[in-house]
Amino acid sequence: MDMLKAVESPVNENIPQLRSGDIVSVHVRIKEGDRERVQEFKGTIIRLRNRGNNANFTVRRIASNGIGVERTFLLRSPRLEKVVVERHSKVRRAQLYFLRDRTGKSARLKQKFD
């Protein structure tokens, strides 16, 4: 067990508890040449995989001309500056792949009030 703990990467403190259906704003450090900047990716979490070191989540947003863009982020990545949960949505399943086929009002999720 000590060998497994030795190779495990540290948990990123800037990431809150995430759930499927959350609308989040992910701030990622991007390196372009010798400069580094922070880019924001805002969308809905459609998948969350908690598997220790390989834990990741997929965020989907609608870009210009109604084109869907999905991006997967590692939960323990040092490249993640911060993740801000903007709202929680009421969902009944873990993977929200059905949102890929939907556009407009049918792609919206109801807000969950805690």
Protein backbone atom coordinates (compact mmCIF):
# COMPACT_ATOMS: atom_id res chain seq x y z
CA MET A 1 0.00 0.00 0.00
CA ASP A 2 2.87 2.40 0.71
CA MET A 3 4.11 1.94 -2.88
CA LEU A 4 0.73 3.04 -4.25
CA LYS A 5 0.70 6.12 -2.03
CA ALA A 6 4.22 7.01 -3.20
CA VAL A 7 3.24 7.30 -6.88
CA GLU A 8 -0.07 9.07 -6.23
CA SER A 9 -0.14 12.74 -7.17
CA PRO A 10 -1.33 15.32 -4.63
CA VAL A 11 -4.95 16.50 -4.64
CA ASN A 12 -5.52 19.94 -6.18
CA GLU A 13 -6.92 22.18 -3.41
CA ASN A 14 -8.52 24.65 -5.87
CA ILE A 15 -11.12 22.13 -7.09
CA PRO A 16 -14.40 21.89 -5.13
CA GLN A 17 -16.71 18.86 -4.92
CA LEU A 18 -18.06 18.34 -8.46
CA ARG A 19 -21.18 16.54 -9.69
CA SER A 20 -22.63 15.66 -13.04
CA GLY A 21 -24.78 18.48 -14.39
CA ASP A 22 -22.88 21.27 -12.64
CA ILE A 23 -22.23 24.37 -14.71
CA VAL A 24 -18.60 25.22 -14.07
CA SER A 25 -15.93 27.66 -15.11
CA VAL A 26 -12.54 25.93 -15.43
CA HIS A 27 -9.44 28.14 -15.40
CA VAL A 28 -6.55 26.36 -17.14
CA ARG A 29 -2.94 27.48 -17.46
CA ILE A 30 -1.84 27.35 -21.10
CA LYS A 31 1.72 27.68 -22.28
CA GLU A 32 2.28 29.43 -25.61
CA GLY A 33 5.96 29.60 -26.49
CA ASP A 34 7.70 31.13 -23.47
CA ARG A 35 4.57 32.86 -22.12
CA GLU A 36 1.93 31.36 -19.87
CA ARG A 37 -1.66 32.53 -19.57
CA VAL A 38 -4.93 31.41 -17.96
CA GLN A 39 -7.81 30.41 -20.23
CA GLU A 40 -11.39 29.98 -19.02
CA PHE A 41 -13.56 27.12 -20.27
CA LYS A 42 -17.19 27.41 -19.19
CA GLY A 43 -19.76 24.65 -19.62
CA THR A 44 -21.70 21.71 -18.18
CA ILE A 45 -20.06 18.66 -16.61
CA ILE A 46 -21.36 15.69 -18.60
CA ARG A 47 -19.07 13.03 -17.14
CA LEU A 48 -17.17 12.56 -13.91
CA ARG A 49 -14.74 9.70 -13.32
CA ASN A 50 -13.25 9.26 -9.86
CA ARG A 51 -10.40 6.81 -10.23
CA GLY A 52 -7.63 8.02 -7.95
CA ASN A 53 -4.76 9.41 -9.99
CA ASN A 54 -6.70 9.14 -13.25
CA ALA A 55 -9.78 11.01 -11.98
CA ASN A 56 -11.15 13.30 -14.67
CA PHE A 57 -14.21 15.25 -15.71
CA THR A 58 -15.56 16.27 -19.11
CA VAL A 59 -17.04 19.72 -19.70
CA ARG A 60 -19.26 20.49 -22.69
CA ARG A 61 -20.17 23.89 -24.05
CA ILE A 62 -21.77 25.21 -27.20
CA ALA A 63 -19.33 27.30 -29.26
CA SER A 64 -20.18 29.62 -32.14
CA ASN A 65 -22.60 28.41 -34.85
CA GLY A 66 -24.06 25.84 -32.43
CA ILE A 67 -21.03 23.56 -32.52
CA GLY A 68 -20.54 21.53 -29.33
CA VAL A 69 -17.06 21.46 -27.80
CA GLU A 70 -16.04 18.96 -25.12
CA ARG A 71 -12.87 19.07 -23.10
CA THR A 72 -11.61 16.59 -20.50
CA PHE A 73 -9.59 17.74 -17.50
CA LEU A 74 -7.60 15.70 -14.99
CA LEU A 75 -8.76 16.44 -11.43
CA ARG A 76 -5.25 16.28 -9.99
CA SER A 77 -3.56 18.29 -12.73
CA PRO A 78 -1.32 21.16 -11.61
CA ARG A 79 -2.38 23.00 -14.81
CA LEU A 80 -5.84 23.66 -13.34
CA GLU A 81 -5.72 27.09 -11.75
CA LYS A 82 -9.21 26.85 -10.24
CA VAL A 83 -12.69 25.47 -10.89
CA VAL A 84 -15.71 27.60 -9.99
CA VAL A 85 -19.11 25.92 -9.68
CA GLU A 86 -21.63 28.48 -10.94
CA ARG A 87 -24.78 26.41 -10.43
CA HIS A 88 -25.96 22.89 -9.69
CA SER A 89 -28.48 21.20 -11.98
CA LYS A 90 -31.04 18.52 -11.21
CA VAL A 91 -30.00 15.35 -13.07
CA ARG A 92 -31.07 11.73 -12.81
CA ARG A 93 -28.06 10.00 -14.33
CA ALA A 94 -24.28 10.01 -14.02
CA GLN A 95 -23.29 10.47 -17.67
CA LEU A 96 -25.18 13.15 -19.58
CA TYR A 97 -24.32 12.00 -23.10
CA PHE A 98 -27.90 12.72 -24.24
CA LEU A 99 -27.00 16.44 -24.24
CA ARG A 100 -24.82 15.84 -27.31
CA ASP A 101 -27.91 15.32 -29.47
CA ARG A 102 -29.79 18.33 -28.14
CA THR A 103 -29.65 22.02 -28.95
CA GLY A 104 -31.49 25.10 -27.72
CA LYS A 105 -34.05 24.88 -24.94
CA SER A 106 -34.07 21.07 -24.83
CA ALA A 107 -30.37 21.11 -23.93
CA ARG A 108 -31.00 23.09 -20.74
CA LEU A 109 -31.03 21.48 -17.31
CA LYS A 110 -33.21 22.57 -14.40
CA GLN A 111 -31.43 24.37 -11.59
CA LYS A 112 -31.16 22.57 -8.26
CA PHE A 113 -31.68 24.68 -5.16
CA ASP A 114 -29.97 23.26 -2.07
